[in-house]
Amino acid sequence: MLSISKSKIDSFFETIAKDKTLYLPVNNSSGKANFEKWQKGTKLSDALRTVRSAKDFFFPKTEKMVGYKIEAGNITVEDPRKELEDFVVFGVRACDAKAFDIFDKVYLEMTPTDSYYKNRRDHGIVVTLACSEPSNNCFCSSYDLDAANPAGDVSAWLAGGDYYFNANTDKGKKFLESVKGVLKEKGADAVEAEKKAIKQKTEKLPFAHLDLSKFKDIPMMTLFNANVWEKLSESCLGCGTCTYVCPSCMCFDVRDYDTGNGIEQSRTWDSCMYSDFTQMAAANPRLTQKERFRQRFMHKLVYYPMAHEKLFMCVGCGRCLDSCPIHMNIVKVIKAFNEADLGGN
């Protein structure tokens, strides 16, 4: 297995950055991590997770889709799509890597393919990193994710003072080939020991084995009409924080902006928790906070799995547990349904 000493990881990053743009988790002034462009002197964060996920690189918060320029009565259509240079995102966790599978099923596998998203996926190289110290708020194992074996183009482990790398895709193999000059071959014993240690830690987490059976076995309309939603939604502020930190939320709005000499059409992230979400000329289909709250969790746990081979639209990253100002989250929803008697609904 290819490896490099932790003390020499900067030389690995420098080699990557010679011909590709590199992004990795970096601590900000408050000690929280977010992905930033690497430059000499940039230090890799040892934080478990970034505040926002790596989905930003493939599904930006704001993205120009088309422009219309008006000059002397003539209208010119401007297509902002362009060929991207290859880029590398290092340090993506297993949960965030799984979220790409959720996105791919909607933006790549359904017709029509989203060319904006596809362009970034084609040029992006994802290097994942196993979670040596999972948080108490992590629950990826409930969705059969393995924090010790992250996916991505290349998987990486920090074990025994060294980083180890294994390619999972052709893109990943080409990438490792391009940087192997600073890497060396080393036995994988340390990696196997690290995997075992990670699995032991994840098994002991408070939410390691959430019972999702009700969302698999109970009819959709029984879940939809459950009395549980009324109580759960009472405290929700509708702030949308959970959707903005979620690695698998993919809803957007399209807006037109007057540039002074034309129109720019952009898509921006949107949230089903907002009162104007899917607002139409005649009315809004979800008028109450209960309806909007229910939509979010039914989509994650029922609607998406029904449409995509029983794949839940949650990866157990724990960001919503960390970020919600009133401590409402998907774990509480799952537990509330497990405790509820749905026979009469």
C-alpha atoms as a PDB file:
ATOM      1  CA  MET A   1       0.000   0.000   0.000  1.00  0.00           C
ATOM      2  CA  LEU A   2       1.261   3.514  -0.794  1.00  0.00           C
ATOM      3  CA  SER A   3       2.025   5.670   2.222  1.00  0.00           C
ATOM      4  CA  ILE A   4       3.710   8.808   3.494  1.00  0.00           C
ATOM      5  CA  SER A   5       4.720   9.935   6.964  1.00  0.00           C
ATOM      6  CA  LYS A   6       2.378  12.365   8.679  1.00  0.00           C
ATOM      7  CA  SER A   7       5.367  14.678   9.146  1.00  0.00           C
ATOM      8  CA  LYS A   8       5.796  14.828   5.352  1.00  0.00           C
ATOM      9  CA  ILE A   9       2.160  15.295   4.370  1.00  0.00           C
ATOM     10  CA  ASP A  10       2.851  18.880   3.256  1.00  0.00           C
ATOM     11  CA  SER A  11       5.163  17.581   0.533  1.00  0.00           C
ATOM     12  CA  PHE A  12       2.301  15.342  -0.645  1.00  0.00           C
ATOM     13  CA  PHE A  13      -0.011  18.347  -0.821  1.00  0.00           C
ATOM     14  CA  GLU A  14       2.631  20.411  -2.608  1.00  0.00           C
ATOM     15  CA  THR A  15       3.048  17.690  -5.229  1.00  0.00           C
ATOM     16  CA  ILE A  16      -0.706  17.576  -5.855  1.00  0.00           C
ATOM     17  CA  ALA A  17      -0.942  21.365  -6.122  1.00  0.00           C
ATOM     18  CA  LYS A  18       1.678  21.536  -8.893  1.00  0.00           C
ATOM     19  CA  ASP A  19      -0.886  20.630 -11.524  1.00  0.00           C
ATOM     20  CA  LYS A  20      -4.244  20.463  -9.709  1.00  0.00           C
ATOM     21  CA  THR A  21      -6.155  22.735  -7.379  1.00  0.00           C
ATOM     22  CA  LEU A  22      -6.262  21.133  -3.946  1.00  0.00           C
ATOM     23  CA  TYR A  23      -8.832  21.676  -1.205  1.00  0.00           C
ATOM     24  CA  LEU A  24      -8.658  20.302   2.318  1.00  0.00           C
ATOM     25  CA  PRO A  25     -10.163  20.901   5.784  1.00  0.00           C
ATOM     26  CA  VAL A  26      -8.589  23.906   7.501  1.00  0.00           C
ATOM     27  CA  ASN A  27      -9.383  25.388  10.923  1.00  0.00           C
ATOM     28  CA  ASN A  28     -10.751  28.920  10.997  1.00  0.00           C
ATOM     29  CA  SER A  29     -10.186  31.491  13.739  1.00  0.00           C
ATOM     30  CA  SER A  30     -12.880  29.904  15.922  1.00  0.00           C
ATOM     31  CA  GLY A  31     -11.306  26.465  15.650  1.00  0.00           C
ATOM     32  CA  LYS A  32     -13.950  25.010  13.342  1.00  0.00           C
ATOM     33  CA  ALA A  33     -12.970  23.435  10.046  1.00  0.00           C
ATOM     34  CA  ASN A  34     -14.062  24.140   6.495  1.00  0.00           C
ATOM     35  CA  PHE A  35     -12.628  23.216   3.128  1.00  0.00           C
ATOM     36  CA  GLU A  36     -10.153  25.763   1.802  1.00  0.00           C
ATOM     37  CA  LYS A  37      -7.775  25.956  -1.136  1.00  0.00           C
ATOM     38  CA  TRP A  38      -4.325  24.698  -0.219  1.00  0.00           C
ATOM     39  CA  GLN A  39      -1.339  26.979  -0.462  1.00  0.00           C
ATOM     40  CA  LYS A  40       2.075  26.745   1.091  1.00  0.00           C
ATOM     41  CA  GLY A  41       1.739  27.011   4.860  1.00  0.00           C
ATOM     42  CA  THR A  42      -1.855  25.729   4.960  1.00  0.00           C
ATOM     43  CA  LYS A  43      -2.277  23.197   7.753  1.00  0.00           C
ATOM     44  CA  LEU A  44      -4.633  20.247   7.542  1.00  0.00           C
ATOM     45  CA  SER A  45      -7.256  20.320  10.293  1.00  0.00           C
ATOM     46  CA  ASP A  46      -7.586  17.325  12.583  1.00  0.00           C
ATOM     47  CA  ALA A  47     -11.290  18.058  13.136  1.00  0.00           C
ATOM     48  CA  LEU A  48     -13.630  15.125  12.542  1.00  0.00           C
ATOM     49  CA  ARG A  49     -15.943  17.009  10.222  1.00  0.00           C
ATOM     50  CA  THR A  50     -16.157  20.330   8.421  1.00  0.00           C
ATOM     51  CA  VAL A  51     -19.028  22.704   9.214  1.00  0.00           C
ATOM     52  CA  ARG A  52     -20.269  22.438   5.636  1.00  0.00           C
ATOM     53  CA  SER A  53     -19.841  19.285   3.632  1.00  0.00           C
ATOM     54  CA  ALA A  54     -17.843  18.619   0.476  1.00  0.00           C
ATOM     55  CA  LYS A  55     -21.008  18.803  -1.629  1.00  0.00           C
ATOM     56  CA  ASP A  56     -20.210  22.505  -2.148  1.00  0.00           C
ATOM     57  CA  PHE A  57     -17.600  21.537  -4.752  1.00  0.00           C
ATOM     58  CA  PHE A  58     -20.140  19.739  -6.923  1.00  0.00           C
ATOM     59  CA  PHE A  59     -23.374  21.542  -6.027  1.00  0.00           C
ATOM     60  CA  PRO A  60     -22.401  25.155  -5.174  1.00  0.00           C
ATOM     61  CA  LYS A  61     -24.544  27.282  -2.912  1.00  0.00           C
ATOM     62  CA  THR A  62     -25.026  29.731  -5.793  1.00  0.00           C
ATOM     63  CA  GLU A  63     -24.441  28.883  -9.446  1.00  0.00           C
ATOM     64  CA  LYS A  64     -24.977  30.931 -12.590  1.00  0.00           C
ATOM     65  CA  MET A  65     -26.946  28.895 -15.126  1.00  0.00           C
ATOM     66  CA  VAL A  66     -27.413  31.252 -18.063  1.00  0.00           C
ATOM     67  CA  GLY A  67     -27.120  34.933 -18.919  1.00  0.00           C
ATOM     68  CA  TYR A  68     -28.973  37.150 -21.396  1.00  0.00           C
ATOM     69  CA  LYS A  69     -27.121  40.245 -22.541  1.00  0.00           C
ATOM     70  CA  ILE A  70     -29.047  43.015 -24.303  1.00  0.00           C
ATOM     71  CA  GLU A  71     -27.139  45.462 -26.510  1.00  0.00           C
ATOM     72  CA  ALA A  72     -28.618  47.735 -29.168  1.00  0.00           C
ATOM     73  CA  GLY A  73     -31.771  45.668 -29.270  1.00  0.00           C
ATOM     74  CA  ASN A  74     -29.894  42.407 -29.735  1.00  0.00           C
ATOM     75  CA  ILE A  75     -30.061  39.582 -27.201  1.00  0.00           C
ATOM     76  CA  THR A  76     -27.021  37.345 -26.664  1.00  0.00           C
ATOM     77  CA  VAL A  77     -27.319  34.126 -24.703  1.00  0.00           C
ATOM     78  CA  GLU A  78     -24.304  33.459 -22.479  1.00  0.00           C
ATOM     79  CA  ASP A  79     -23.635  29.878 -21.400  1.00  0.00           C
ATOM     80  CA  PRO A  80     -21.473  29.976 -18.225  1.00  0.00           C
ATOM     81  CA  ARG A  81     -20.571  26.294 -18.424  1.00  0.00           C
ATOM     82  CA  LYS A  82     -16.941  25.804 -19.235  1.00  0.00           C
ATOM     83  CA  GLU A  83     -14.395  23.061 -19.079  1.00  0.00           C
ATOM     84  CA  LEU A  84     -13.051  22.841 -15.551  1.00  0.00           C
ATOM     85  CA  GLU A  85      -9.536  22.022 -14.523  1.00  0.00           C
ATOM     86  CA  ASP A  86      -9.104  18.881 -12.458  1.00  0.00           C
ATOM     87  CA  PHE A  87      -9.272  19.470  -8.720  1.00  0.00           C
ATOM     88  CA  VAL A  88      -8.731  17.347  -5.625  1.00  0.00           C
ATOM     89  CA  VAL A  89     -10.765  17.371  -2.417  1.00  0.00           C
ATOM     90  CA  PHE A  90      -8.759  15.729   0.371  1.00  0.00           C
ATOM     91  CA  GLY A  91     -10.109  14.590   3.732  1.00  0.00           C
ATOM     92  CA  VAL A  92     -13.712  13.819   2.799  1.00  0.00           C
ATOM     93  CA  ARG A  93     -15.323  11.556   5.400  1.00  0.00           C
ATOM     94  CA  ALA A  94     -17.239   8.368   4.617  1.00  0.00           C
ATOM     95  CA  CYS A  95     -20.605  10.010   5.281  1.00  0.00           C
ATOM     96  CA  ASP A  96     -19.978  12.876   2.855  1.00  0.00           C
ATOM     97  CA  ALA A  97     -18.675  10.471   0.213  1.00  0.00           C
ATOM     98  CA  LYS A  98     -21.897   8.445   0.527  1.00  0.00           C
ATOM     99  CA  ALA A  99     -23.898  11.633  -0.020  1.00  0.00           C
ATOM    100  CA  PHE A 100     -22.385  11.855  -3.508  1.00  0.00           C
ATOM    101  CA  ASP A 101     -24.092   8.540  -4.319  1.00  0.00           C
ATOM    102  CA  ILE A 102     -27.400  10.100  -3.253  1.00  0.00           C
ATOM    103  CA  PHE A 103     -26.784  13.133  -5.472  1.00  0.00           C
ATOM    104  CA  ASP A 104     -25.630  10.989  -8.404  1.00  0.00           C
ATOM    105  CA  LYS A 105     -28.903   9.053  -8.486  1.00  0.00           C
ATOM    106  CA  VAL A 106     -30.805  12.308  -9.037  1.00  0.00           C
ATOM    107  CA  TYR A 107     -28.412  14.487 -11.027  1.00  0.00           C
ATOM    108  CA  LEU A 108     -26.591  11.853 -13.104  1.00  0.00           C
ATOM    109  CA  GLU A 109     -28.748   8.734 -13.371  1.00  0.00           C
ATOM    110  CA  MET A 110     -32.098  10.400 -13.998  1.00  0.00           C
ATOM    111  CA  THR A 111     -33.009  12.031 -17.309  1.00  0.00           C
ATOM    112  CA  PRO A 112     -31.973  14.656 -18.188  1.00  0.00           C
ATOM    113  CA  THR A 113     -28.490  14.573 -16.655  1.00  0.00           C
ATOM    114  CA  ASP A 114     -27.547  17.778 -14.855  1.00  0.00           C
ATOM    115  CA  SER A 115     -24.599  18.965 -16.976  1.00  0.00           C
ATOM    116  CA  TYR A 116     -23.437  21.496 -14.378  1.00  0.00           C
ATOM    117  CA  TYR A 117     -23.151  18.841 -11.691  1.00  0.00           C
ATOM    118  CA  LYS A 118     -21.692  16.265 -14.100  1.00  0.00           C
ATOM    119  CA  ASN A 119     -18.954  18.655 -15.214  1.00  0.00           C
ATOM    120  CA  ARG A 120     -17.746  19.022 -11.632  1.00  0.00           C
ATOM    121  CA  ARG A 121     -18.021  15.324 -10.863  1.00  0.00           C
ATOM    122  CA  ASP A 122     -15.986  14.496 -13.966  1.00  0.00           C
ATOM    123  CA  HIS A 123     -13.164  16.819 -12.933  1.00  0.00           C
ATOM    124  CA  GLY A 124     -13.262  16.363  -9.165  1.00  0.00           C
ATOM    125  CA  ILE A 125     -11.068  13.753  -7.463  1.00  0.00           C
ATOM    126  CA  VAL A 126     -12.318  12.758  -4.010  1.00  0.00           C
ATOM    127  CA  VAL A 127      -9.776  11.521  -1.480  1.00  0.00           C
ATOM    128  CA  THR A 128     -11.567  10.254   1.607  1.00  0.00           C
ATOM    129  CA  LEU A 129     -10.140   9.851   5.094  1.00  0.00           C
ATOM    130  CA  ALA A 130     -11.237   7.242   7.628  1.00  0.00           C
ATOM    131  CA  CYS A 131     -12.637   8.550  10.921  1.00  0.00           C
ATOM    132  CA  SER A 132     -10.106   7.679  13.590  1.00  0.00           C
ATOM    133  CA  GLU A 133     -12.100   9.434  16.329  1.00  0.00           C
ATOM    134  CA  PRO A 134     -15.846   9.410  15.542  1.00  0.00           C
ATOM    135  CA  SER A 135     -18.113  11.748  17.482  1.00  0.00           C
ATOM    136  CA  ASN A 136     -20.943  10.781  19.831  1.00  0.00           C
ATOM    137  CA  ASN A 137     -23.273  12.491  17.356  1.00  0.00           C
ATOM    138  CA  CYS A 138     -22.184  10.243  14.472  1.00  0.00           C
ATOM    139  CA  PHE A 139     -24.612   7.523  13.379  1.00  0.00           C
ATOM    140  CA  CYS A 140     -23.446   6.529   9.898  1.00  0.00           C
ATOM    141  CA  SER A 141     -23.384   2.857  10.917  1.00  0.00           C
ATOM    142  CA  SER A 142     -27.189   2.965  11.251  1.00  0.00           C
ATOM    143  CA  TYR A 143     -27.241   3.299   7.463  1.00  0.00           C
ATOM    144  CA  ASP A 144     -24.654   0.533   6.988  1.00  0.00           C
ATOM    145  CA  LEU A 145     -21.831   2.973   6.279  1.00  0.00           C
ATOM    146  CA  ASP A 146     -18.365   1.985   7.427  1.00  0.00           C
ATOM    147  CA  ALA A 147     -16.315   4.892   8.784  1.00  0.00           C
ATOM    148  CA  ALA A 148     -13.259   2.641   8.639  1.00  0.00           C
ATOM    149  CA  ASN A 149     -13.652   2.017   4.893  1.00  0.00           C
ATOM    150  CA  PRO A 150     -14.622   5.300   3.224  1.00  0.00           C
ATOM    151  CA  ALA A 151     -15.365   5.281  -0.493  1.00  0.00           C
ATOM    152  CA  GLY A 152     -14.282   7.974  -2.957  1.00  0.00           C
ATOM    153  CA  ASP A 153     -11.730   7.814  -5.755  1.00  0.00           C
ATOM    154  CA  VAL A 154      -8.997   7.207  -3.181  1.00  0.00           C
ATOM    155  CA  SER A 155      -9.385   6.060   0.424  1.00  0.00           C
ATOM    156  CA  ALA A 156      -6.877   7.188   3.048  1.00  0.00           C
ATOM    157  CA  TRP A 157      -6.112   6.174   6.626  1.00  0.00           C
ATOM    158  CA  LEU A 158      -3.947   7.770   9.282  1.00  0.00           C
ATOM    159  CA  ALA A 159      -2.370   4.895  11.183  1.00  0.00           C
ATOM    160  CA  GLY A 160       0.809   4.596  13.219  1.00  0.00           C
ATOM    161  CA  GLY A 161       2.034   8.044  12.237  1.00  0.00           C
ATOM    162  CA  ASP A 162       1.634   7.439   8.479  1.00  0.00           C
ATOM    163  CA  TYR A 163      -1.017   8.178   5.870  1.00  0.00           C
ATOM    164  CA  TYR A 164      -1.941   5.205   3.679  1.00  0.00           C
ATOM    165  CA  PHE A 165      -3.725   5.376   0.327  1.00  0.00           C
ATOM    166  CA  ASN A 166      -5.763   2.925  -1.740  1.00  0.00           C
ATOM    167  CA  ALA A 167      -7.327   3.700  -5.140  1.00  0.00           C
ATOM    168  CA  ASN A 168     -10.972   2.683  -5.673  1.00  0.00           C
ATOM    169  CA  THR A 169     -11.584   4.030  -9.197  1.00  0.00           C
ATOM    170  CA  ASP A 170      -9.660   4.492 -12.430  1.00  0.00           C
ATOM    171  CA  LYS A 171      -9.563   8.193 -11.684  1.00  0.00           C
ATOM    172  CA  GLY A 172      -8.082   7.386  -8.292  1.00  0.00           C
ATOM    173  CA  LYS A 173      -5.440   5.094  -9.811  1.00  0.00           C
ATOM    174  CA  LYS A 174      -4.318   7.811 -12.219  1.00  0.00           C
ATOM    175  CA  PHE A 175      -4.170  10.288  -9.370  1.00  0.00           C
ATOM    176  CA  LEU A 176      -1.974   8.075  -7.169  1.00  0.00           C
ATOM    177  CA  GLU A 177       0.242   7.347 -10.144  1.00  0.00           C
ATOM    178  CA  SER A 178       0.772  11.092 -10.599  1.00  0.00           C
ATOM    179  CA  VAL A 179       1.975  11.584  -6.991  1.00  0.00           C
ATOM    180  CA  LYS A 180       3.701   8.289  -6.267  1.00  0.00           C
ATOM    181  CA  GLY A 181       7.100  10.015  -6.393  1.00  0.00           C
ATOM    182  CA  VAL A 182       6.592  11.224  -2.814  1.00  0.00           C
ATOM    183  CA  LEU A 183       4.962   8.007  -1.625  1.00  0.00           C
ATOM    184  CA  LYS A 184       6.472   4.680  -0.663  1.00  0.00           C
ATOM    185  CA  GLU A 185       5.247   1.112  -0.516  1.00  0.00           C
ATOM    186  CA  LYS A 186       4.475  -0.156   2.962  1.00  0.00           C
ATOM    187  CA  GLY A 187       2.644  -3.110   4.479  1.00  0.00           C
ATOM    188  CA  ALA A 188      -1.010  -2.637   5.431  1.00  0.00           C
ATOM    189  CA  ASP A 189      -0.859  -4.133   8.935  1.00  0.00           C
ATOM    190  CA  ALA A 190      -1.221  -0.712  10.580  1.00  0.00           C
ATOM    191  CA  VAL A 191      -4.252   0.049   8.405  1.00  0.00           C
ATOM    192  CA  GLU A 192      -5.973  -3.209   9.348  1.00  0.00           C
ATOM    193  CA  ALA A 193      -5.375  -2.471  13.031  1.00  0.00           C
ATOM    194  CA  GLU A 194      -6.752   1.043  12.551  1.00  0.00           C
ATOM    195  CA  LYS A 195      -9.875  -0.267  10.820  1.00  0.00           C
ATOM    196  CA  LYS A 196     -10.501  -2.646  13.700  1.00  0.00           C
ATOM    197  CA  ALA A 197     -10.067   0.156  16.244  1.00  0.00           C
ATOM    198  CA  ILE A 198     -12.471   2.447  14.354  1.00  0.00           C
ATOM    199  CA  LYS A 199     -15.136  -0.267  14.165  1.00  0.00           C
ATOM    200  CA  GLN A 200     -14.857  -0.875  17.898  1.00  0.00           C
ATOM    201  CA  LYS A 201     -15.364   2.845  18.540  1.00  0.00           C
ATOM    202  CA  THR A 202     -18.331   3.226  16.201  1.00  0.00           C
ATOM    203  CA  GLU A 203     -20.057   0.206  17.743  1.00  0.00           C
ATOM    204  CA  LYS A 204     -20.063   2.003  21.111  1.00  0.00           C
ATOM    205  CA  LEU A 205     -21.571   5.286  19.851  1.00  0.00           C
ATOM    206  CA  PRO A 206     -24.965   6.259  21.351  1.00  0.00           C
ATOM    207  CA  PHE A 207     -26.807   6.163  18.006  1.00  0.00           C
ATOM    208  CA  ALA A 208     -24.836   3.381  16.344  1.00  0.00           C
ATOM    209  CA  HIS A 209     -27.852   1.137  15.766  1.00  0.00           C
ATOM    210  CA  LEU A 210     -30.968   3.226  15.241  1.00  0.00           C
ATOM    211  CA  ASP A 211     -34.019   1.130  14.451  1.00  0.00           C
ATOM    212  CA  LEU A 212     -35.209   2.177  10.977  1.00  0.00           C
ATOM    213  CA  SER A 213     -37.637  -0.710  10.510  1.00  0.00           C
ATOM    214  CA  LYS A 214     -40.789   1.405  10.777  1.00  0.00           C
ATOM    215  CA  PHE A 215     -39.664   3.504   7.820  1.00  0.00           C
ATOM    216  CA  LYS A 216     -39.091   0.328   5.821  1.00  0.00           C
ATOM    217  CA  ASP A 217     -42.188  -1.668   6.702  1.00  0.00           C
ATOM    218  CA  ILE A 218     -45.056   0.719   7.511  1.00  0.00           C
ATOM    219  CA  PRO A 219     -47.163   2.103   4.607  1.00  0.00           C
ATOM    220  CA  MET A 220     -46.280   5.609   3.449  1.00  0.00           C
ATOM    221  CA  MET A 221     -49.664   7.164   4.229  1.00  0.00           C
ATOM    222  CA  THR A 222     -49.652   5.725   7.753  1.00  0.00           C
ATOM    223  CA  LEU A 223     -46.351   7.500   8.375  1.00  0.00           C
ATOM    224  CA  PHE A 224     -47.584  10.642   6.620  1.00  0.00           C
ATOM    225  CA  ASN A 225     -50.744  10.868   8.747  1.00  0.00           C
ATOM    226  CA  ALA A 226     -49.075   9.989  12.045  1.00  0.00           C
ATOM    227  CA  ASN A 227     -49.929  12.237  15.008  1.00  0.00           C
ATOM    228  CA  VAL A 228     -46.236  12.329  15.863  1.00  0.00           C
ATOM    229  CA  TRP A 229     -45.565  15.165  13.400  1.00  0.00           C
ATOM    230  CA  GLU A 230     -47.668  17.683  15.317  1.00  0.00           C
ATOM    231  CA  LYS A 231     -45.664  17.369  18.515  1.00  0.00           C
ATOM    232  CA  LEU A 232     -42.272  17.106  16.840  1.00  0.00           C
ATOM    233  CA  SER A 233     -42.768  20.211  14.712  1.00  0.00           C
ATOM    234  CA  GLU A 234     -43.984  22.492  17.527  1.00  0.00           C
ATOM    235  CA  SER A 235     -40.523  23.710  18.483  1.00  0.00           C
ATOM    236  CA  CYS A 236     -39.076  23.960  14.936  1.00  0.00           C
ATOM    237  CA  LEU A 237     -38.024  27.514  14.045  1.00  0.00           C
ATOM    238  CA  GLY A 238     -37.985  26.907  10.304  1.00  0.00           C
ATOM    239  CA  CYS A 239     -34.489  28.420  10.145  1.00  0.00           C
ATOM    240  CA  GLY A 240     -33.200  25.936   7.560  1.00  0.00           C
ATOM    241  CA  THR A 241     -29.858  25.419   9.304  1.00  0.00           C
ATOM    242  CA  CYS A 242     -30.255  21.633   9.095  1.00  0.00           C
ATOM    243  CA  THR A 243     -30.677  21.741   5.325  1.00  0.00           C
ATOM    244  CA  TYR A 244     -27.694  24.009   4.753  1.00  0.00           C
ATOM    245  CA  VAL A 245     -25.235  21.830   6.671  1.00  0.00           C
ATOM    246  CA  CYS A 246     -26.702  18.553   5.360  1.00  0.00           C
ATOM    247  CA  PRO A 247     -24.485  16.785   2.804  1.00  0.00           C
ATOM    248  CA  SER A 248     -27.445  15.187   1.019  1.00  0.00           C
ATOM    249  CA  CYS A 249     -29.985  18.040   0.791  1.00  0.00           C
ATOM    250  CA  MET A 250     -30.232  19.013  -2.866  1.00  0.00           C
ATOM    251  CA  CYS A 251     -33.216  21.345  -3.271  1.00  0.00           C
ATOM    252  CA  PHE A 252     -32.696  24.616  -5.127  1.00  0.00           C
ATOM    253  CA  ASP A 253     -34.525  27.661  -6.396  1.00  0.00           C
ATOM    254  CA  VAL A 254     -33.923  29.439  -9.716  1.00  0.00           C
ATOM    255  CA  ARG A 255     -33.929  33.231  -9.703  1.00  0.00           C
ATOM    256  CA  ASP A 256     -33.453  35.962 -12.300  1.00  0.00           C
ATOM    257  CA  TYR A 257     -31.374  39.065 -11.597  1.00  0.00           C
ATOM    258  CA  ASP A 258     -31.304  42.314 -13.539  1.00  0.00           C
ATOM    259  CA  THR A 259     -27.646  43.084 -14.352  1.00  0.00           C
ATOM    260  CA  GLY A 260     -28.382  46.498 -15.867  1.00  0.00           C
ATOM    261  CA  ASN A 261     -27.820  45.342 -19.440  1.00  0.00           C
ATOM    262  CA  GLY A 262     -29.466  41.953 -19.286  1.00  0.00           C
ATOM    263  CA  ILE A 263     -30.609  39.107 -17.076  1.00  0.00           C
ATOM    264  CA  GLU A 264     -28.599  36.559 -15.093  1.00  0.00           C
ATOM    265  CA  GLN A 265     -30.341  33.368 -14.094  1.00  0.00           C
ATOM    266  CA  SER A 266     -28.879  31.512 -11.120  1.00  0.00           C
ATOM    267  CA  ARG A 267     -29.815  28.590  -8.971  1.00  0.00           C
ATOM    268  CA  THR A 268     -29.295  28.742  -5.242  1.00  0.00           C
ATOM    269  CA  TRP A 269     -29.779  26.300  -2.417  1.00  0.00           C
ATOM    270  CA  ASP A 270     -33.284  26.275  -1.007  1.00  0.00           C
ATOM    271  CA  SER A 271     -34.867  24.628   2.009  1.00  0.00           C
ATOM    272  CA  CYS A 272     -38.133  22.763   2.415  1.00  0.00           C
ATOM    273  CA  MET A 273     -38.259  24.310   5.892  1.00  0.00           C
ATOM    274  CA  TYR A 274     -38.945  27.792   4.443  1.00  0.00           C
ATOM    275  CA  SER A 275     -42.468  29.154   4.091  1.00  0.00           C
ATOM    276  CA  ASP A 276     -41.902  30.171   0.462  1.00  0.00           C
ATOM    277  CA  PHE A 277     -40.429  26.833  -0.637  1.00  0.00           C
ATOM    278  CA  THR A 278     -42.099  25.722  -3.915  1.00  0.00           C
ATOM    279  CA  GLN A 279     -44.207  28.903  -3.801  1.00  0.00           C
ATOM    280  CA  MET A 280     -46.481  29.052  -6.848  1.00  0.00           C
ATOM    281  CA  ALA A 281     -48.535  31.873  -8.304  1.00  0.00           C
ATOM    282  CA  ALA A 282     -51.766  30.543  -6.829  1.00  0.00           C
ATOM    283  CA  ALA A 283     -50.628  29.277  -3.451  1.00  0.00           C
ATOM    284  CA  ASN A 284     -48.060  27.435  -1.386  1.00  0.00           C
ATOM    285  CA  PRO A 285     -48.684  23.673  -1.090  1.00  0.00           C
ATOM    286  CA  ARG A 286     -47.413  23.547   2.511  1.00  0.00           C
ATOM    287  CA  LEU A 287     -48.871  26.314   4.636  1.00  0.00           C
ATOM    288  CA  THR A 288     -47.906  25.181   8.130  1.00  0.00           C
ATOM    289  CA  GLN A 289     -44.619  24.450   9.867  1.00  0.00           C
ATOM    290  CA  LYS A 290     -45.872  20.949  10.572  1.00  0.00           C
ATOM    291  CA  GLU A 291     -46.277  20.279   6.834  1.00  0.00           C
ATOM    292  CA  ARG A 292     -42.841  21.670   6.031  1.00  0.00           C
ATOM    293  CA  PHE A 293     -41.204  19.782   8.889  1.00  0.00           C
ATOM    294  CA  ARG A 294     -42.892  16.558   7.809  1.00  0.00           C
ATOM    295  CA  GLN A 295     -41.778  17.062   4.209  1.00  0.00           C
ATOM    296  CA  ARG A 296     -38.102  17.183   5.179  1.00  0.00           C
ATOM    297  CA  PHE A 297     -38.084  13.942   7.148  1.00  0.00           C
ATOM    298  CA  MET A 298     -40.517  12.052   4.921  1.00  0.00           C
ATOM    299  CA  HIS A 299     -38.219  12.866   2.012  1.00  0.00           C
ATOM    300  CA  LYS A 300     -35.145  11.609   3.876  1.00  0.00           C
ATOM    301  CA  LEU A 301     -36.686   8.459   5.292  1.00  0.00           C
ATOM    302  CA  VAL A 302     -39.572   7.514   2.995  1.00  0.00           C
ATOM    303  CA  TYR A 303     -39.902   9.269  -0.370  1.00  0.00           C
ATOM    304  CA  TYR A 304     -36.288   9.020  -1.516  1.00  0.00           C
ATOM    305  CA  PRO A 305     -35.872   5.350  -0.443  1.00  0.00           C
ATOM    306  CA  MET A 306     -39.100   4.488  -2.286  1.00  0.00           C
ATOM    307  CA  ALA A 307     -37.700   5.987  -5.502  1.00  0.00           C
ATOM    308  CA  HIS A 308     -34.095   4.827  -5.185  1.00  0.00           C
ATOM    309  CA  GLU A 309     -33.810   1.183  -4.184  1.00  0.00           C
ATOM    310  CA  LYS A 310     -34.436   1.706  -0.451  1.00  0.00           C
ATOM    311  CA  LEU A 311     -31.445   4.049  -0.080  1.00  0.00           C
ATOM    312  CA  PHE A 312     -32.062   6.438   2.814  1.00  0.00           C
ATOM    313  CA  MET A 313     -31.371  10.115   2.111  1.00  0.00           C
ATOM    314  CA  CYS A 314     -29.390  10.527   5.322  1.00  0.00           C
ATOM    315  CA  VAL A 315     -25.769   9.532   5.910  1.00  0.00           C
ATOM    316  CA  GLY A 316     -25.572   9.925   9.693  1.00  0.00           C
ATOM    317  CA  CYS A 317     -22.946  12.687   9.674  1.00  0.00           C
ATOM    318  CA  GLY A 318     -24.377  14.319  12.815  1.00  0.00           C
ATOM    319  CA  ARG A 319     -24.206  17.891  11.528  1.00  0.00           C
ATOM    320  CA  CYS A 320     -27.897  18.538  12.193  1.00  0.00           C
ATOM    321  CA  LEU A 321     -27.420  17.326  15.772  1.00  0.00           C
ATOM    322  CA  ASP A 322     -24.570  19.791  16.201  1.00  0.00           C
ATOM    323  CA  SER A 323     -26.209  22.749  14.460  1.00  0.00           C
ATOM    324  CA  CYS A 324     -29.929  22.865  15.274  1.00  0.00           C
ATOM    325  CA  PRO A 325     -30.583  25.756  17.706  1.00  0.00           C
ATOM    326  CA  ILE A 326     -33.449  23.894  19.394  1.00  0.00           C
ATOM    327  CA  HIS A 327     -31.839  20.443  19.239  1.00  0.00           C
ATOM    328  CA  MET A 328     -34.395  18.921  16.891  1.00  0.00           C
ATOM    329  CA  ASN A 329     -32.943  16.419  14.442  1.00  0.00           C
ATOM    330  CA  ILE A 330     -33.505  13.238  12.468  1.00  0.00           C
ATOM    331  CA  VAL A 331     -32.427  11.002  15.366  1.00  0.00           C
ATOM    332  CA  LYS A 332     -35.230  12.414  17.521  1.00  0.00           C
ATOM    333  CA  VAL A 333     -37.697  11.875  14.684  1.00  0.00           C
ATOM    334  CA  ILE A 334     -36.649   8.234  14.276  1.00  0.00           C
ATOM    335  CA  LYS A 335     -36.838   7.595  18.013  1.00  0.00           C
ATOM    336  CA  ALA A 336     -40.236   9.293  18.302  1.00  0.00           C
ATOM    337  CA  PHE A 337     -41.670   7.021  15.604  1.00  0.00           C
ATOM    338  CA  ASN A 338     -40.177   3.957  17.240  1.00  0.00           C
ATOM    339  CA  GLU A 339     -41.926   4.887  20.481  1.00  0.00           C
ATOM    340  CA  ALA A 340     -45.253   5.777  18.841  1.00  0.00           C
ATOM    341  CA  ASP A 341     -48.234   3.516  18.403  1.00  0.00           C
ATOM    342  CA  LEU A 342     -49.116   3.998  14.732  1.00  0.00           C
ATOM    343  CA  GLY A 343     -51.895   1.423  14.711  1.00  0.00           C
ATOM    344  CA  GLY A 344     -54.659   3.997  14.806  1.00  0.00           C
ATOM    345  CA  ASN A 345     -53.206   6.369  12.225  1.00  0.00           C
END
